[in-house]
Amino acid sequence: MCFQVFVRKVIELHDKYLAYVNDCFSNHTLFHKALKEEFEVFFNKGVAGSSSTELLATYCDNILKKGGSEKMSDEAVEDMLEKEKTCSVDFV
């Protein structure tokens, strides 16, 4: 399922740049705002005929229904959903 790879890569990308904002820019609010605005632009673009928001929702739905494509522990499911929530709540 290609959308799962896409969503995981988006979450990794967000985590990477959030770490830069926190570590390199002393958690400055201006950089948080810039990161938020750029991810908003990204999430408003379509991907393969679907919106990024739809792909995120489908990803979360799959995790909640069956633990994703591979079986995940309850802790791993909660961790992935928390990362997705952190990544998408501010941007969608």
PDB file of N, CA and C in Angstrom:
ATOM      1  N   MET A   1       0.839  -1.179   0.000  1.00  0.00           N
ATOM      2  CA  MET A   1       0.000   0.000   0.000  1.00  0.00           C
ATOM      3  C   MET A   1       0.882   1.239   0.000  1.00  0.00           C
ATOM      4  N   CYS A   2       0.918   1.859  -1.126  1.00  0.00           N
ATOM      5  CA  CYS A   2       1.817   2.979  -1.373  1.00  0.00           C
ATOM      6  C   CYS A   2       1.526   4.172  -0.458  1.00  0.00           C
ATOM      7  N   PHE A   3       0.247   4.383  -0.129  1.00  0.00           N
ATOM      8  CA  PHE A   3      -0.079   5.548   0.701  1.00  0.00           C
ATOM      9  C   PHE A   3       0.514   5.421   2.095  1.00  0.00           C
ATOM     10  N   GLN A   4       0.697   4.191   2.595  1.00  0.00           N
ATOM     11  CA  GLN A   4       1.295   4.019   3.920  1.00  0.00           C
ATOM     12  C   GLN A   4       2.747   4.476   3.921  1.00  0.00           C
ATOM     13  N   VAL A   5       3.465   4.160   2.858  1.00  0.00           N
ATOM     14  CA  VAL A   5       4.847   4.610   2.730  1.00  0.00           C
ATOM     15  C   VAL A   5       4.883   6.134   2.660  1.00  0.00           C
ATOM     16  N   PHE A   6       3.980   6.709   1.873  1.00  0.00           N
ATOM     17  CA  PHE A   6       3.900   8.162   1.744  1.00  0.00           C
ATOM     18  C   PHE A   6       3.674   8.820   3.105  1.00  0.00           C
ATOM     19  N   VAL A   7       2.688   8.327   3.856  1.00  0.00           N
ATOM     20  CA  VAL A   7       2.366   8.928   5.151  1.00  0.00           C
ATOM     21  C   VAL A   7       3.524   8.776   6.123  1.00  0.00           C
ATOM     22  N   ARG A   8       4.146   7.617   6.154  1.00  0.00           N
ATOM     23  CA  ARG A   8       5.293   7.429   7.055  1.00  0.00           C
ATOM     24  C   ARG A   8       6.435   8.377   6.701  1.00  0.00           C
ATOM     25  N   LYS A   9       6.675   8.569   5.412  1.00  0.00           N
ATOM     26  CA  LYS A   9       7.739   9.488   4.989  1.00  0.00           C
ATOM     27  C   LYS A   9       7.404  10.934   5.354  1.00  0.00           C
ATOM     28  N   VAL A  10       6.133  11.301   5.254  1.00  0.00           N
ATOM     29  CA  VAL A  10       5.718  12.653   5.648  1.00  0.00           C
ATOM     30  C   VAL A  10       5.925  12.846   7.146  1.00  0.00           C
ATOM     31  N   ILE A  11       5.564  11.843   7.934  1.00  0.00           N
ATOM     32  CA  ILE A  11       5.753  11.924   9.388  1.00  0.00           C
ATOM     33  C   ILE A  11       7.246  12.034   9.714  1.00  0.00           C
ATOM     34  N   GLU A  12       8.072  11.229   9.050  1.00  0.00           N
ATOM     35  CA  GLU A  12       9.519  11.308   9.267  1.00  0.00           C
ATOM     36  C   GLU A  12      10.063  12.688   8.900  1.00  0.00           C
ATOM     37  N   LEU A  13       9.587  13.218   7.788  1.00  0.00           N
ATOM     38  CA  LEU A  13      10.024  14.536   7.342  1.00  0.00           C
ATOM     39  C   LEU A  13       9.629  15.611   8.360  1.00  0.00           C
ATOM     40  N   HIS A  14       8.405  15.544   8.844  1.00  0.00           N
ATOM     41  CA  HIS A  14       7.949  16.506   9.845  1.00  0.00           C
ATOM     42  C   HIS A  14       8.784  16.397  11.111  1.00  0.00           C
ATOM     43  N   ASP A  15       9.028  15.170  11.576  1.00  0.00           N
ATOM     44  CA  ASP A  15       9.834  14.968  12.782  1.00  0.00           C
ATOM     45  C   ASP A  15      11.241  15.531  12.603  1.00  0.00           C
ATOM     46  N   LYS A  16      11.805  15.328  11.419  1.00  0.00           N
ATOM     47  CA  LYS A  16      13.150  15.816  11.131  1.00  0.00           C
ATOM     48  C   LYS A  16      13.217  17.343  11.236  1.00  0.00           C
ATOM     49  N   TYR A  17      12.274  18.020  10.576  1.00  0.00           N
ATOM     50  CA  TYR A  17      12.315  19.482  10.591  1.00  0.00           C
ATOM     51  C   TYR A  17      11.859  20.061  11.928  1.00  0.00           C
ATOM     52  N   LEU A  18      10.995  19.366  12.625  1.00  0.00           N
ATOM     53  CA  LEU A  18      10.617  19.804  13.968  1.00  0.00           C
ATOM     54  C   LEU A  18      11.823  19.730  14.902  1.00  0.00           C
ATOM     55  N   ALA A  19      12.640  18.697  14.748  1.00  0.00           N
ATOM     56  CA  ALA A  19      13.864  18.587  15.553  1.00  0.00           C
ATOM     57  C   ALA A  19      14.818  19.736  15.241  1.00  0.00           C
ATOM     58  N   TYR A  20      14.931  20.120  13.948  1.00  0.00           N
ATOM     59  CA  TYR A  20      15.752  21.275  13.598  1.00  0.00           C
ATOM     60  C   TYR A  20      15.247  22.539  14.281  1.00  0.00           C
ATOM     61  N   VAL A  21      13.947  22.742  14.229  1.00  0.00           N
ATOM     62  CA  VAL A  21      13.370  23.937  14.854  1.00  0.00           C
ATOM     63  C   VAL A  21      13.663  23.932  16.351  1.00  0.00           C
ATOM     64  N   ASN A  22      13.468  22.790  16.985  1.00  0.00           N
ATOM     65  CA  ASN A  22      13.664  22.703  18.433  1.00  0.00           C
ATOM     66  C   ASN A  22      15.130  22.831  18.828  1.00  0.00           C
ATOM     67  N   ASP A  23      16.006  22.143  18.100  1.00  0.00           N
ATOM     68  CA  ASP A  23      17.414  22.082  18.499  1.00  0.00           C
ATOM     69  C   ASP A  23      18.249  23.239  17.951  1.00  0.00           C
ATOM     70  N   CYS A  24      18.100  23.523  16.681  1.00  0.00           N
ATOM     71  CA  CYS A  24      18.965  24.519  16.045  1.00  0.00           C
ATOM     72  C   CYS A  24      18.467  25.955  16.204  1.00  0.00           C
ATOM     73  N   PHE A  25      17.160  26.096  16.364  1.00  0.00           N
ATOM     74  CA  PHE A  25      16.586  27.436  16.441  1.00  0.00           C
ATOM     75  C   PHE A  25      15.939  27.713  17.793  1.00  0.00           C
ATOM     76  N   SER A  26      16.389  26.979  18.797  1.00  0.00           N
ATOM     77  CA  SER A  26      15.961  27.191  20.184  1.00  0.00           C
ATOM     78  C   SER A  26      14.446  27.232  20.351  1.00  0.00           C
ATOM     79  N   ASN A  27      13.756  26.404  19.564  1.00  0.00           N
ATOM     80  CA  ASN A  27      12.297  26.283  19.707  1.00  0.00           C
ATOM     81  C   ASN A  27      11.578  27.619  19.483  1.00  0.00           C
ATOM     82  N   HIS A  28      12.165  28.476  18.660  1.00  0.00           N
ATOM     83  CA  HIS A  28      11.628  29.814  18.429  1.00  0.00           C
ATOM     84  C   HIS A  28      10.279  29.736  17.708  1.00  0.00           C
ATOM     85  N   THR A  29       9.328  30.535  18.163  1.00  0.00           N
ATOM     86  CA  THR A  29       7.976  30.482  17.610  1.00  0.00           C
ATOM     87  C   THR A  29       7.908  30.878  16.137  1.00  0.00           C
ATOM     88  N   LEU A  30       8.783  31.746  15.691  1.00  0.00           N
ATOM     89  CA  LEU A  30       8.799  32.154  14.286  1.00  0.00           C
ATOM     90  C   LEU A  30       9.098  30.951  13.377  1.00  0.00           C
ATOM     91  N   PHE A  31      10.022  30.104  13.807  1.00  0.00           N
ATOM     92  CA  PHE A  31      10.359  28.924  13.005  1.00  0.00           C
ATOM     93  C   PHE A  31       9.254  27.872  13.074  1.00  0.00           C
ATOM     94  N   HIS A  32       8.588  27.765  14.223  1.00  0.00           N
ATOM     95  CA  HIS A  32       7.423  26.871  14.310  1.00  0.00           C
ATOM     96  C   HIS A  32       6.336  27.334  13.343  1.00  0.00           C
ATOM     97  N   LYS A  33       6.136  28.633  13.284  1.00  0.00           N
ATOM     98  CA  LYS A  33       5.125  29.182  12.384  1.00  0.00           C
ATOM     99  C   LYS A  33       5.488  28.896  10.926  1.00  0.00           C
ATOM    100  N   ALA A  34       6.751  29.076  10.576  1.00  0.00           N
ATOM    101  CA  ALA A  34       7.196  28.816   9.201  1.00  0.00           C
ATOM    102  C   ALA A  34       7.022  27.341   8.843  1.00  0.00           C
ATOM    103  N   LEU A  35       7.371  26.455   9.759  1.00  0.00           N
ATOM    104  CA  LEU A  35       7.195  25.019   9.526  1.00  0.00           C
ATOM    105  C   LEU A  35       5.725  24.678   9.337  1.00  0.00           C
ATOM    106  N   LYS A  36       4.884  25.237  10.177  1.00  0.00           N
ATOM    107  CA  LYS A  36       3.440  25.000  10.084  1.00  0.00           C
ATOM    108  C   LYS A  36       2.892  25.473   8.744  1.00  0.00           C
ATOM    109  N   GLU A  37       3.274  26.664   8.336  1.00  0.00           N
ATOM    110  CA  GLU A  37       2.767  27.224   7.076  1.00  0.00           C
ATOM    111  C   GLU A  37       3.206  26.397   5.872  1.00  0.00           C
ATOM    112  N   GLU A  38       4.432  25.939   5.865  1.00  0.00           N
ATOM    113  CA  GLU A  38       4.920  25.148   4.732  1.00  0.00           C
ATOM    114  C   GLU A  38       4.249  23.779   4.675  1.00  0.00           C
ATOM    115  N   PHE A  39       4.013  23.159   5.832  1.00  0.00           N
ATOM    116  CA  PHE A  39       3.304  21.881   5.816  1.00  0.00           C
ATOM    117  C   PHE A  39       1.842  22.074   5.434  1.00  0.00           C
ATOM    118  N   GLU A  40       1.264  23.214   5.749  1.00  0.00           N
ATOM    119  CA  GLU A  40      -0.101  23.501   5.301  1.00  0.00           C
ATOM    120  C   GLU A  40      -0.167  23.518   3.777  1.00  0.00           C
ATOM    121  N   VAL A  41       0.794  24.175   3.149  1.00  0.00           N
ATOM    122  CA  VAL A  41       0.849  24.218   1.685  1.00  0.00           C
ATOM    123  C   VAL A  41       0.967  22.796   1.144  1.00  0.00           C
ATOM    124  N   PHE A  42       1.833  22.017   1.732  1.00  0.00           N
ATOM    125  CA  PHE A  42       2.032  20.645   1.300  1.00  0.00           C
ATOM    126  C   PHE A  42       0.750  19.820   1.443  1.00  0.00           C
ATOM    127  N   PHE A  43       0.083  19.918   2.581  1.00  0.00           N
ATOM    128  CA  PHE A  43      -1.120  19.118   2.830  1.00  0.00           C
ATOM    129  C   PHE A  43      -2.293  19.544   1.956  1.00  0.00           C
ATOM    130  N   ASN A  44      -2.270  20.736   1.445  1.00  0.00           N
ATOM    131  CA  ASN A  44      -3.353  21.181   0.575  1.00  0.00           C
ATOM    132  C   ASN A  44      -3.167  20.736  -0.868  1.00  0.00           C
ATOM    133  N   LYS A  45      -2.036  20.136  -1.184  1.00  0.00           N
ATOM    134  CA  LYS A  45      -1.786  19.633  -2.537  1.00  0.00           C
ATOM    135  C   LYS A  45      -2.293  18.203  -2.652  1.00  0.00           C
ATOM    136  N   GLY A  46      -2.700  17.838  -3.853  1.00  0.00           N
ATOM    137  CA  GLY A  46      -3.148  16.482  -4.108  1.00  0.00           C
ATOM    138  C   GLY A  46      -1.986  15.557  -4.393  1.00  0.00           C
ATOM    139  N   VAL A  47      -2.201  14.282  -4.109  1.00  0.00           N
ATOM    140  CA  VAL A  47      -1.195  13.259  -4.373  1.00  0.00           C
ATOM    141  C   VAL A  47      -1.892  12.097  -5.061  1.00  0.00           C
ATOM    142  N   ALA A  48      -1.541  11.831  -6.294  1.00  0.00           N
ATOM    143  CA  ALA A  48      -2.094  10.689  -7.052  1.00  0.00           C
ATOM    144  C   ALA A  48      -3.616  10.678  -7.037  1.00  0.00           C
ATOM    145  N   GLY A  49      -4.216  11.842  -7.208  1.00  0.00           N
ATOM    146  CA  GLY A  49      -5.671  11.916  -7.282  1.00  0.00           C
ATOM    147  C   GLY A  49      -6.379  11.993  -5.946  1.00  0.00           C
ATOM    148  N   SER A  50      -5.651  11.953  -4.855  1.00  0.00           N
ATOM    149  CA  SER A  50      -6.238  12.066  -3.516  1.00  0.00           C
ATOM    150  C   SER A  50      -5.577  13.227  -2.790  1.00  0.00           C
ATOM    151  N   SER A  51      -6.285  13.780  -1.824  1.00  0.00           N
ATOM    152  CA  SER A  51      -5.657  14.820  -1.016  1.00  0.00           C
ATOM    153  C   SER A  51      -4.790  14.158   0.049  1.00  0.00           C
ATOM    154  N   SER A  52      -3.784  14.869   0.505  1.00  0.00           N
ATOM    155  CA  SER A  52      -2.925  14.352   1.573  1.00  0.00           C
ATOM    156  C   SER A  52      -3.743  14.059   2.820  1.00  0.00           C
ATOM    157  N   THR A  53      -4.768  14.869   3.048  1.00  0.00           N
ATOM    158  CA  THR A  53      -5.635  14.673   4.204  1.00  0.00           C
ATOM    159  C   THR A  53      -6.361  13.338   4.111  1.00  0.00           C
ATOM    160  N   GLU A  54      -6.860  13.001   2.931  1.00  0.00           N
ATOM    161  CA  GLU A  54      -7.532  11.711   2.743  1.00  0.00           C
ATOM    162  C   GLU A  54      -6.573  10.552   2.984  1.00  0.00           C
ATOM    163  N   LEU A  55      -5.345  10.695   2.505  1.00  0.00           N
ATOM    164  CA  LEU A  55      -4.357   9.639   2.712  1.00  0.00           C
ATOM    165  C   LEU A  55      -4.031   9.462   4.185  1.00  0.00           C
ATOM    166  N   LEU A  56      -3.920  10.570   4.918  1.00  0.00           N
ATOM    167  CA  LEU A  56      -3.676  10.485   6.359  1.00  0.00           C
ATOM    168  C   LEU A  56      -4.838   9.806   7.080  1.00  0.00           C
ATOM    169  N   ALA A  57      -6.053  10.148   6.691  1.00  0.00           N
ATOM    170  CA  ALA A  57      -7.230   9.544   7.318  1.00  0.00           C
ATOM    171  C   ALA A  57      -7.293   8.047   7.029  1.00  0.00           C
ATOM    172  N   THR A  58      -7.000   7.655   5.802  1.00  0.00           N
ATOM    173  CA  THR A  58      -6.993   6.242   5.440  1.00  0.00           C
ATOM    174  C   THR A  58      -5.905   5.500   6.208  1.00  0.00           C
ATOM    175  N   TYR A  59      -4.763   6.111   6.340  1.00  0.00           N
ATOM    176  CA  TYR A  59      -3.654   5.517   7.086  1.00  0.00           C
ATOM    177  C   TYR A  59      -4.054   5.262   8.545  1.00  0.00           C
ATOM    178  N   CYS A  60      -4.631   6.266   9.176  1.00  0.00           N
ATOM    179  CA  CYS A  60      -5.068   6.118  10.570  1.00  0.00           C
ATOM    180  C   CYS A  60      -6.147   5.046  10.695  1.00  0.00           C
ATOM    181  N   ASP A  61      -7.065   5.039   9.758  1.00  0.00           N
ATOM    182  CA  ASP A  61      -8.129   4.046   9.764  1.00  0.00           C
ATOM    183  C   ASP A  61      -7.559   2.636   9.680  1.00  0.00           C
ATOM    184  N   ASN A  62      -6.590   2.437   8.797  1.00  0.00           N
ATOM    185  CA  ASN A  62      -5.966   1.119   8.668  1.00  0.00           C
ATOM    186  C   ASN A  62      -5.232   0.705   9.934  1.00  0.00           C
ATOM    187  N   ILE A  63      -4.541   1.640  10.557  1.00  0.00           N
ATOM    188  CA  ILE A  63      -3.833   1.319  11.799  1.00  0.00           C
ATOM    189  C   ILE A  63      -4.831   0.922  12.881  1.00  0.00           C
ATOM    190  N   LEU A  64      -5.908   1.673  13.002  1.00  0.00           N
ATOM    191  CA  LEU A  64      -6.895   1.367  14.044  1.00  0.00           C
ATOM    192  C   LEU A  64      -7.611   0.046  13.779  1.00  0.00           C
ATOM    193  N   LYS A  65      -7.850  -0.273  12.518  1.00  0.00           N
ATOM    194  CA  LYS A  65      -8.566  -1.506  12.187  1.00  0.00           C
ATOM    195  C   LYS A  65      -7.712  -2.750  12.348  1.00  0.00           C
ATOM    196  N   LYS A  66      -6.476  -2.694  11.854  1.00  0.00           N
ATOM    197  CA  LYS A  66      -5.689  -3.922  11.832  1.00  0.00           C
ATOM    198  C   LYS A  66      -4.214  -3.746  12.144  1.00  0.00           C
ATOM    199  N   GLY A  67      -3.822  -2.613  12.645  1.00  0.00           N
ATOM    200  CA  GLY A  67      -2.422  -2.407  12.991  1.00  0.00           C
ATOM    201  C   GLY A  67      -1.529  -2.136  11.797  1.00  0.00           C
ATOM    202  N   GLY A  68      -2.098  -1.691  10.699  1.00  0.00           N
ATOM    203  CA  GLY A  68      -1.312  -1.396   9.508  1.00  0.00           C
ATOM    204  C   GLY A  68      -1.018  -2.644   8.702  1.00  0.00           C
ATOM    205  N   SER A  69      -0.123  -2.527   7.738  1.00  0.00           N
ATOM    206  CA  SER A  69       0.184  -3.663   6.867  1.00  0.00           C
ATOM    207  C   SER A  69       0.940  -4.750   7.619  1.00  0.00           C
ATOM    208  N   GLU A  70       1.724  -4.362   8.607  1.00  0.00           N
ATOM    209  CA  GLU A  70       2.378  -5.338   9.453  1.00  0.00           C
ATOM    210  C   GLU A  70       1.746  -5.254  10.840  1.00  0.00           C
ATOM    211  N   LYS A  71       1.788  -6.333  11.555  1.00  0.00           N
ATOM    212  CA  LYS A  71       1.200  -6.320  12.900  1.00  0.00           C
ATOM    213  C   LYS A  71       2.059  -5.453  13.802  1.00  0.00           C
ATOM    214  N   MET A  72       1.400  -4.550  14.502  1.00  0.00           N
ATOM    215  CA  MET A  72       2.102  -3.627  15.385  1.00  0.00           C
ATOM    216  C   MET A  72       1.604  -3.853  16.806  1.00  0.00           C
ATOM    217  N   SER A  73       2.487  -3.641  17.765  1.00  0.00           N
ATOM    218  CA  SER A  73       2.075  -3.719  19.155  1.00  0.00           C
ATOM    219  C   SER A  73       1.171  -2.538  19.481  1.00  0.00           C
ATOM    220  N   ASP A  74       0.445  -2.628  20.580  1.00  0.00           N
ATOM    221  CA  ASP A  74      -0.430  -1.526  20.989  1.00  0.00           C
ATOM    222  C   ASP A  74       0.356  -0.237  21.180  1.00  0.00           C
ATOM    223  N   GLU A  75       1.564  -0.358  21.740  1.00  0.00           N
ATOM    224  CA  GLU A  75       2.394   0.828  21.963  1.00  0.00           C
ATOM    225  C   GLU A  75       2.829   1.439  20.634  1.00  0.00           C
ATOM    226  N   ALA A  76       3.177   0.596  19.675  1.00  0.00           N
ATOM    227  CA  ALA A  76       3.595   1.094  18.364  1.00  0.00           C
ATOM    228  C   ALA A  76       2.438   1.778  17.646  1.00  0.00           C
ATOM    229  N   VAL A  77       1.237   1.212  17.766  1.00  0.00           N
ATOM    230  CA  VAL A  77       0.049   1.822  17.160  1.00  0.00           C
ATOM    231  C   VAL A  77      -0.199   3.192  17.782  1.00  0.00           C
ATOM    232  N   GLU A  78      -0.155   3.258  19.108  1.00  0.00           N
ATOM    233  CA  GLU A  78      -0.370   4.536  19.787  1.00  0.00           C
ATOM    234  C   GLU A  78       0.693   5.557  19.404  1.00  0.00           C
ATOM    235  N   ASP A  79       1.936   5.111  19.292  1.00  0.00           N
ATOM    236  CA  ASP A  79       3.024   6.017  18.922  1.00  0.00           C
ATOM    237  C   ASP A  79       2.822   6.562  17.512  1.00  0.00           C
ATOM    238  N   MET A  80       2.474   5.686  16.556  1.00  0.00           N
ATOM    239  CA  MET A  80       2.248   6.129  15.176  1.00  0.00           C
ATOM    240  C   MET A  80       1.067   7.089  15.097  1.00  0.00           C
ATOM    241  N   LEU A  81      -0.006   6.786  15.803  1.00  0.00           N
ATOM    242  CA  LEU A  81      -1.172   7.673  15.768  1.00  0.00           C
ATOM    243  C   LEU A  81      -0.857   9.019  16.405  1.00  0.00           C
ATOM    244  N   GLU A  82      -0.074   9.010  17.454  1.00  0.00           N
ATOM    245  CA  GLU A  82       0.312  10.270  18.098  1.00  0.00           C
ATOM    246  C   GLU A  82       1.170  11.112  17.153  1.00  0.00           C
ATOM    247  N   LYS A  83       2.099  10.469  16.445  1.00  0.00           N
ATOM    248  CA  LYS A  83       2.933  11.198  15.484  1.00  0.00           C
ATOM    249  C   LYS A  83       2.087  11.754  14.348  1.00  0.00           C
ATOM    250  N   GLU A  84       1.144  10.953  13.867  1.00  0.00           N
ATOM    251  CA  GLU A  84       0.271  11.418  12.783  1.00  0.00           C
ATOM    252  C   GLU A  84      -0.562  12.596  13.258  1.00  0.00           C
ATOM    253  N   LYS A  85      -1.079  12.494  14.475  1.00  0.00           N
ATOM    254  CA  LYS A  85      -1.879  13.578  15.019  1.00  0.00           C
ATOM    255  C   LYS A  85      -1.057  14.850  15.145  1.00  0.00           C
ATOM    256  N   THR A  86       0.142  14.716  15.660  1.00  0.00           N
ATOM    257  CA  THR A  86       1.030  15.865  15.807  1.00  0.00           C
ATOM    258  C   THR A  86       1.344  16.472  14.448  1.00  0.00           C
ATOM    259  N   CYS A  87       1.568  15.620  13.484  1.00  0.00           N
ATOM    260  CA  CYS A  87       1.923  16.088  12.145  1.00  0.00           C
ATOM    261  C   CYS A  87       0.760  16.763  11.445  1.00  0.00           C
ATOM    262  N   SER A  88      -0.448  16.258  11.622  1.00  0.00           N
ATOM    263  CA  SER A  88      -1.572  16.738  10.812  1.00  0.00           C
ATOM    264  C   SER A  88      -2.475  17.743  11.493  1.00  0.00           C
ATOM    265  N   VAL A  89      -2.614  17.727  12.786  1.00  0.00           N
ATOM    266  CA  VAL A  89      -3.589  18.586  13.462  1.00  0.00           C
ATOM    267  C   VAL A  89      -3.369  20.062  13.142  1.00  0.00           C
ATOM    268  N   ASP A  90      -2.134  20.486  13.168  1.00  0.00           N
ATOM    269  CA  ASP A  90      -1.840  21.897  12.911  1.00  0.00           C
ATOM    270  C   ASP A  90      -1.948  22.268  11.443  1.00  0.00           C
ATOM    271  N   PHE A  91      -1.897  21.282  10.559  1.00  0.00           N
ATOM    272  CA  PHE A  91      -1.753  21.585   9.144  1.00  0.00           C
ATOM    273  C   PHE A  91      -2.982  21.327   8.326  1.00  0.00           C
ATOM    274  N   VAL A  92      -3.913  20.563   8.817  1.00  0.00           N
ATOM    275  CA  VAL A  92      -5.085  20.194   8.012  1.00  0.00           C
ATOM    276  C   VAL A  92      -6.246  21.082   8.351  1.00  0.00           C
TER     277      VAL A  92
END
